Amino acid sequence: MNFQQLRIIRETLRQDFNLTEVATALYTSQPGVSKHIKDLEDELGIEIFVRRGKRLLGLTEPGKELAEVVDRILLDTQNLRRIADQFASRETGHFVVATTHTQARYALPQIIKWFKTDYPRVHLALHQGSPVEIAEKLVSGEADVGIATERLDKVPELATFPFYRWHHALIVSHGHPLLQVERMTLEVLGEYPIITYHEGFTGRTHIDKAFADAGVVPDIVLSAIDADVIKTYVELDLGVGIVASMAYDGFKDRNLALIPVPHLFPESTTRLAVRRGTYLRSYALAFIEKVCPEVGEENLKAVIQKQNGGE
C-alpha cells in the first residue's frame, strides 16, 4: 500500500469514476491508474469498485468504508506537513480564503488589511466563487477558510461559525414611487419588476421563501451574482433592487436610494467554515478569531479537530 494508491482512490471519487480524468489530474497514465487500483484490491483482498467491463460504476460496500479511511489518512498527511511548516516558519506561509463577491467586496476589506499588516510574510490568496464552489474547495483542501451565506452549514465535512447577521434592503432610483410608501409589503413590491441575486447567492433562498410564504409571485427581470451589477441596472430604471443592506454605500451610491425592509425578509447569517480534522497554522487561527471573536481559540480548535459527524 502506498500514498499514490490512496490518492488515486480519492481522485476517482472526485472525478466521478472517470479514470481518464483521474490520470490527467494526477499527471499519470490511465493504465497506471488501473494497475494501482487492482494492486490495492489484491493486497487488501476486497473489491473497492463496482465494475461493468472496464468501467467503474461506483463503490462496493467495503469500498465505501475504505474511502472514508483514505480521506482521513490523506487529510492527516496534509496536517503533518502543516505542523512541520508551523514550527519551521511561524510567520510565513500560504493562506487561501474562498468567498463570494459580496463578502470580498463589502465584509472583508478591513479584515484583509489587518491580516496583511500583521502577517506581511504570509501570502494570502482570495478566491471568489459560488457557495457550492467554496464548499468544494474546502473539502478538497484547496482553501483553508471559506466565507459565505449559503450552503456551508449544510456540508457535514465542514465546521461553521457565525460571522455576522444582516437583512436585505431595497434600492431604487431617486423619485421612485416606492419611496412614498409608508409601510412596504411584499404585495406592493410584487407590483414592480425586481432585480436581485442569482439563485444560491447572498440569501436568495430567504427572498424566494418570503415571497412564496406570502403567495406573491415576483417579476424577477434580472439576477446577478453581485450587488454592483444589480445597482447598475437599478440606476437604469430596469427594476427595484433587492440587495444585502451592507452593499449600499450612501456616498458611492448617491444616485440610488435605500429602503430598509427588515420586516419583509428573514435575517441572514454569513458563516465562516473550515474543513473538519484540519490542522490550522497560527495565522489561520488568528484570522478566524478576528472574524469570529466570540468563538474562542480552545472551542475553535475542539470543533475543527472533530471528524465528520462529531458534533
Protein backbone atom coordinates (compact mmCIF):
# COMPACT_ATOMS: atom_id res chain seq x y z
CA MET A 1 0.00 0.00 0.00
CA ASN A 2 1.33 3.48 -0.87
CA PHE A 3 0.16 7.09 -0.93
CA GLN A 4 -0.25 7.14 -4.71
CA GLN A 5 -2.80 4.35 -4.46
CA LEU A 6 -4.69 6.30 -1.80
CA ARG A 7 -4.60 9.48 -3.88
CA ILE A 8 -5.99 7.55 -6.84
CA ILE A 9 -8.90 6.25 -4.74
CA ARG A 10 -9.75 9.77 -3.59
CA GLU A 11 -9.37 11.29 -7.05
CA THR A 12 -11.53 8.55 -8.60
CA LEU A 13 -14.40 9.68 -6.39
CA ARG A 14 -13.77 13.34 -7.20
CA GLN A 15 -13.76 12.62 -10.94
CA ASP A 16 -16.99 10.59 -10.78
CA PHE A 17 -15.15 7.29 -11.56
CA ASN A 18 -13.71 8.58 -14.85
CA LEU A 19 -10.20 7.09 -14.92
CA THR A 20 -9.10 9.25 -17.83
CA GLU A 21 -9.81 12.35 -15.75
CA VAL A 22 -8.12 10.75 -12.74
CA ALA A 23 -4.96 10.16 -14.76
CA THR A 24 -4.99 13.74 -16.03
CA ALA A 25 -5.47 15.19 -12.54
CA LEU A 26 -2.61 13.13 -11.09
CA TYR A 27 -0.28 13.54 -14.09
CA THR A 28 -0.06 9.82 -14.81
CA SER A 29 -1.44 7.30 -17.32
CA GLN A 30 -4.81 5.57 -17.30
CA PRO A 31 -3.24 2.07 -17.39
CA GLY A 32 -1.10 3.10 -14.42
CA VAL A 33 -4.20 4.22 -12.52
CA SER A 34 -5.97 0.93 -13.23
CA LYS A 35 -2.93 -1.07 -12.12
CA HIS A 36 -2.65 0.83 -8.83
CA ILE A 37 -6.33 0.15 -8.09
CA LYS A 38 -6.01 -3.55 -8.93
CA ASP A 39 -2.81 -3.90 -6.85
CA LEU A 40 -4.51 -2.32 -3.83
CA GLU A 41 -7.57 -4.55 -4.20
CA ASP A 42 -5.34 -7.65 -4.44
CA GLU A 43 -3.36 -6.58 -1.37
CA LEU A 44 -6.49 -5.96 0.72
CA GLY A 45 -8.41 -8.92 -0.66
CA ILE A 46 -11.54 -6.87 -1.49
CA GLU A 47 -13.13 -5.20 -4.50
CA ILE A 48 -13.24 -1.46 -3.96
CA PHE A 49 -15.27 -0.51 -7.05
CA VAL A 50 -18.37 -1.85 -8.80
CA ARG A 51 -17.45 -2.57 -12.42
CA ARG A 52 -19.12 -3.08 -15.76
CA GLY A 53 -16.39 -4.38 -18.02
CA LYS A 54 -13.53 -1.91 -17.69
CA ARG A 55 -15.77 0.91 -16.47
CA LEU A 56 -16.12 1.83 -12.81
CA LEU A 57 -19.72 2.49 -11.75
CA GLY A 58 -19.42 3.14 -8.03
CA LEU A 59 -18.12 1.90 -4.69
CA THR A 60 -18.77 -1.53 -3.20
CA GLU A 61 -19.85 -1.69 0.45
CA PRO A 62 -16.28 -2.30 1.69
CA GLY A 63 -15.15 0.35 -0.79
CA LYS A 64 -17.39 2.95 0.89
CA GLU A 65 -15.81 2.30 4.28
CA LEU A 66 -12.33 2.25 2.79
CA ALA A 67 -12.93 5.60 1.07
CA GLU A 68 -13.66 7.26 4.43
CA VAL A 69 -10.40 5.91 5.89
CA VAL A 70 -8.43 7.01 2.82
CA ASP A 71 -9.83 10.53 3.18
CA ARG A 72 -8.75 10.68 6.84
CA ILE A 73 -5.27 9.33 6.09
CA LEU A 74 -4.65 11.90 3.34
CA LEU A 75 -6.05 14.70 5.48
CA ASP A 76 -3.73 13.73 8.35
CA THR A 77 -0.81 13.56 5.92
CA GLN A 78 -1.60 17.14 4.93
CA ASN A 79 -1.82 18.05 8.62
CA LEU A 80 1.68 16.62 9.24
CA ARG A 81 3.08 18.96 6.61
CA ARG A 82 1.25 21.91 8.15
CA ILE A 83 2.55 21.10 11.64
CA ALA A 84 6.10 20.94 10.30
CA ASP A 85 5.63 24.24 8.46
CA GLN A 86 4.14 25.83 11.58
CA PHE A 87 7.19 25.20 13.72
CA ALA A 88 9.76 25.65 10.97
CA SER A 89 8.46 29.07 9.89
CA ARG A 90 5.71 30.53 12.06
CA GLU A 91 5.31 33.81 10.21
CA THR A 92 5.46 32.64 6.61
CA GLY A 93 3.17 30.51 4.52
CA HIS A 94 0.31 30.41 2.06
CA PHE A 95 -3.26 31.12 3.21
CA VAL A 96 -6.29 30.69 0.94
CA VAL A 97 -9.67 32.28 1.71
CA ALA A 98 -12.55 31.28 -0.57
CA THR A 99 -15.57 33.59 -0.53
CA THR A 100 -18.29 35.22 -2.62
CA HIS A 101 -18.09 38.57 -4.35
CA THR A 102 -20.37 40.23 -1.78
CA GLN A 103 -18.22 39.18 1.17
CA ALA A 104 -14.95 40.03 -0.60
CA ARG A 105 -16.26 43.44 -1.63
CA TYR A 106 -18.18 44.59 1.45
CA ALA A 107 -17.40 42.47 4.54
CA LEU A 108 -13.72 41.52 4.33
CA PRO A 109 -11.60 44.50 3.17
CA GLN A 110 -10.71 45.75 6.68
CA ILE A 111 -10.02 42.23 7.94
CA ILE A 112 -7.79 41.51 4.94
CA LYS A 113 -5.96 44.81 5.53
CA TRP A 114 -5.39 43.86 9.20
CA PHE A 115 -4.11 40.41 8.22
CA LYS A 116 -1.65 41.76 5.67
CA THR A 117 -0.35 44.25 8.22
CA ASP A 118 0.10 41.68 11.00
CA TYR A 119 1.35 38.85 8.76
CA PRO A 120 3.23 40.56 5.92
CA ARG A 121 5.21 37.40 5.03
CA VAL A 122 2.13 35.22 4.60
CA HIS A 123 0.84 35.07 1.04
CA LEU A 124 -2.94 35.48 1.22
CA ALA A 125 -4.96 34.40 -1.80
CA LEU A 126 -8.60 35.45 -2.07
CA HIS A 127 -10.60 33.10 -4.32
CA GLN A 128 -14.10 34.18 -5.35
CA GLY A 129 -16.80 31.68 -6.28
CA SER A 130 -20.28 30.41 -5.57
CA PRO A 131 -21.13 28.88 -2.17
CA VAL A 132 -21.07 25.41 -3.78
CA GLU A 133 -17.59 26.06 -5.22
CA ILE A 134 -16.40 27.40 -1.87
CA ALA A 135 -17.57 24.24 -0.08
CA GLU A 136 -15.86 22.06 -2.68
CA LYS A 137 -12.56 23.95 -2.27
CA LEU A 138 -12.69 23.49 1.50
CA VAL A 139 -13.48 19.77 1.33
CA SER A 140 -10.72 19.17 -1.25
CA GLY A 141 -8.15 21.15 0.72
CA GLU A 142 -7.75 23.85 -1.95
CA ALA A 143 -8.88 26.52 0.53
CA ASP A 144 -8.14 26.96 4.23
CA VAL A 145 -11.16 29.09 5.12
CA GLY A 146 -14.48 29.71 3.38
CA ILE A 147 -16.95 32.56 3.94
CA ALA A 148 -20.47 32.65 2.51
CA THR A 149 -24.13 32.98 3.49
CA GLU A 150 -25.45 29.92 1.69
CA ARG A 151 -24.65 26.23 1.73
CA LEU A 152 -21.66 25.94 4.10
CA ASP A 153 -23.61 24.82 7.17
CA LYS A 154 -25.20 22.01 5.12
CA VAL A 155 -21.90 20.21 4.40
CA PRO A 156 -21.06 17.60 7.09
CA GLU A 157 -17.31 17.76 6.41
CA LEU A 158 -17.26 21.43 7.41
CA ALA A 159 -17.33 23.15 10.78
CA THR A 160 -19.02 26.57 10.59
CA PHE A 161 -19.13 29.64 12.82
CA PRO A 162 -21.37 32.73 12.53
CA PHE A 163 -19.56 35.79 11.15
CA TYR A 164 -22.35 38.40 11.16
CA ARG A 165 -26.12 38.74 10.66
CA TRP A 166 -27.84 41.05 8.22
CA HIS A 167 -31.06 41.83 6.32
CA HIS A 168 -31.90 42.52 2.70
CA ALA A 169 -32.95 46.02 1.67
CA LEU A 170 -34.47 47.66 -1.39
CA ILE A 171 -32.64 50.10 -3.65
CA VAL A 172 -34.42 52.34 -6.13
CA SER A 173 -33.68 55.37 -8.26
CA HIS A 174 -34.49 58.77 -6.77
CA GLY A 175 -38.13 59.73 -7.34
CA HIS A 176 -39.32 56.09 -7.46
CA PRO A 177 -42.97 55.62 -6.30
CA LEU A 178 -41.91 53.12 -3.62
CA LEU A 179 -40.20 55.97 -1.73
CA GLN A 180 -43.69 57.30 -0.93
CA VAL A 181 -44.96 54.03 0.58
CA GLU A 182 -45.26 54.34 4.36
CA ARG A 183 -45.01 50.61 5.17
CA MET A 184 -43.71 48.29 2.49
CA THR A 185 -45.38 44.92 1.88
CA LEU A 186 -44.47 42.06 -0.43
CA GLU A 187 -47.78 42.57 -2.24
CA VAL A 188 -46.82 46.18 -3.07
CA LEU A 189 -43.27 45.18 -4.00
CA GLY A 190 -44.60 42.42 -6.25
CA GLU A 191 -46.20 45.03 -8.50
CA TYR A 192 -42.76 46.15 -9.74
CA PRO A 193 -40.03 44.37 -11.75
CA ILE A 194 -37.28 43.10 -9.46
CA ILE A 195 -33.52 42.79 -9.85
CA THR A 196 -31.74 40.64 -7.27
CA TYR A 197 -29.18 37.93 -6.64
CA HIS A 198 -28.89 34.75 -8.65
CA GLU A 199 -30.17 31.54 -7.06
CA GLY A 200 -27.75 30.26 -4.41
CA PHE A 201 -26.11 33.64 -3.72
CA THR A 202 -26.32 36.10 -0.82
CA GLY A 203 -29.50 34.94 0.86
CA ARG A 204 -31.57 34.48 -2.29
CA THR A 205 -33.31 31.48 -0.65
CA HIS A 206 -34.71 33.85 2.02
CA ILE A 207 -36.05 36.18 -0.66
CA ASP A 208 -37.75 33.34 -2.53
CA LYS A 209 -39.21 31.89 0.68
CA ALA A 210 -40.65 35.22 1.80
CA PHE A 211 -42.48 35.72 -1.49
CA ALA A 212 -43.68 32.10 -1.55
CA ASP A 213 -44.99 32.30 2.03
CA ALA A 214 -46.88 35.48 1.14
CA GLY A 215 -48.35 33.91 -2.00
CA VAL A 216 -46.74 36.55 -4.20
CA VAL A 217 -45.02 35.68 -7.49
CA PRO A 218 -42.26 38.26 -8.04
CA ASP A 219 -41.37 39.50 -11.52
CA ILE A 220 -37.60 38.95 -11.37
CA VAL A 221 -36.41 40.51 -14.60
CA LEU A 222 -32.68 40.13 -13.94
CA SER A 223 -30.48 38.24 -11.49
CA ALA A 224 -26.77 38.62 -10.84
CA ILE A 225 -24.11 37.18 -8.54
CA ASP A 226 -23.03 40.53 -7.09
CA ALA A 227 -24.62 43.74 -5.87
CA ASP A 228 -22.60 46.03 -8.14
CA VAL A 229 -24.29 44.59 -11.22
CA ILE A 230 -27.70 44.82 -9.55
CA LYS A 231 -27.13 48.50 -8.71
CA THR A 232 -26.02 49.26 -12.26
CA TYR A 233 -29.33 48.09 -13.70
CA VAL A 234 -31.40 49.72 -10.96
CA GLU A 235 -29.75 53.02 -11.96
CA LEU A 236 -31.05 52.37 -15.49
CA ASP A 237 -34.59 52.12 -14.04
CA LEU A 238 -34.98 48.49 -15.12
CA GLY A 239 -36.35 47.42 -11.76
CA VAL A 240 -36.27 47.54 -7.97
CA GLY A 241 -33.12 46.06 -6.46
CA ILE A 242 -33.13 43.66 -3.53
CA VAL A 243 -29.61 43.56 -2.11
CA ALA A 244 -27.77 42.85 1.12
CA SER A 245 -28.09 46.03 3.18
CA MET A 246 -24.29 46.33 3.66
CA ALA A 247 -23.88 46.55 -0.13
CA TYR A 248 -25.30 50.09 -0.14
CA ASP A 249 -22.86 52.97 0.31
CA GLY A 250 -24.55 56.35 0.76
CA PHE A 251 -21.68 58.20 -0.92
CA LYS A 252 -20.75 55.86 -3.75
CA ASP A 253 -24.40 55.00 -4.44
CA ARG A 254 -25.69 58.56 -4.23
CA ASN A 255 -27.71 58.07 -7.42
CA LEU A 256 -29.79 55.47 -5.59
CA ALA A 257 -31.99 55.49 -2.51
CA LEU A 258 -32.08 52.79 0.16
CA ILE A 259 -35.35 51.47 1.62
CA PRO A 260 -34.73 49.34 4.76
CA VAL A 261 -37.25 46.47 4.98
CA PRO A 262 -36.12 44.19 7.84
CA HIS A 263 -39.74 43.06 8.31
CA LEU A 264 -40.03 41.65 4.77
CA PHE A 265 -37.25 39.06 4.61
CA PRO A 266 -35.78 36.69 7.23
CA GLU A 267 -32.46 37.58 8.81
CA SER A 268 -29.46 36.06 7.03
CA THR A 269 -26.26 34.80 8.64
CA THR A 270 -22.91 34.84 6.89
CA ARG A 271 -20.70 31.99 8.12
CA LEU A 272 -17.03 31.11 8.19
CA ALA A 273 -16.20 27.45 7.52
CA VAL A 274 -13.18 25.16 7.71
CA ARG A 275 -12.68 21.50 6.92
CA ARG A 276 -13.11 19.30 10.00
CA GLY A 277 -9.99 17.49 11.15
CA THR A 278 -7.68 20.09 9.57
CA TYR A 279 -4.62 21.40 11.39
CA LEU A 280 -4.62 25.17 11.05
CA ARG A 281 -1.48 27.25 11.39
CA SER A 282 -1.31 30.12 13.88
CA TYR A 283 -2.05 32.83 11.32
CA ALA A 284 -5.15 30.93 10.12
CA LEU A 285 -6.40 30.67 13.70
CA ALA A 286 -5.73 34.38 14.18
CA PHE A 287 -7.74 35.19 11.05
CA ILE A 288 -10.68 33.08 12.25
CA GLU A 289 -10.61 34.68 15.70
CA LYS A 290 -10.64 38.12 14.07
CA VAL A 291 -13.73 37.17 12.04
CA CYS A 292 -15.46 35.22 14.84
CA PRO A 293 -14.07 36.63 18.13
CA GLU A 294 -16.86 35.17 20.26
CA VAL A 295 -15.90 31.57 19.42
CA GLY A 296 -12.66 31.42 21.44
CA GLU A 297 -9.46 29.60 20.45
CA GLU A 298 -9.96 26.46 22.56
CA ASN A 299 -13.54 25.93 21.40
CA LEU A 300 -12.46 26.67 17.84
CA LYS A 301 -9.74 24.01 17.93
CA ALA A 302 -12.04 21.46 19.56
CA VAL A 303 -14.76 21.86 16.94
CA ILE A 304 -12.38 21.85 13.97
CA GLN A 305 -10.47 18.78 15.13
CA LYS A 306 -13.62 16.66 15.39
CA GLN A 307 -14.11 14.32 12.45
CA ASN A 308 -17.30 14.34 10.35
CA GLY A 309 -20.40 13.99 12.43
CA GLY A 310 -18.50 14.67 15.62
CA GLU A 311 -20.78 17.49 16.82
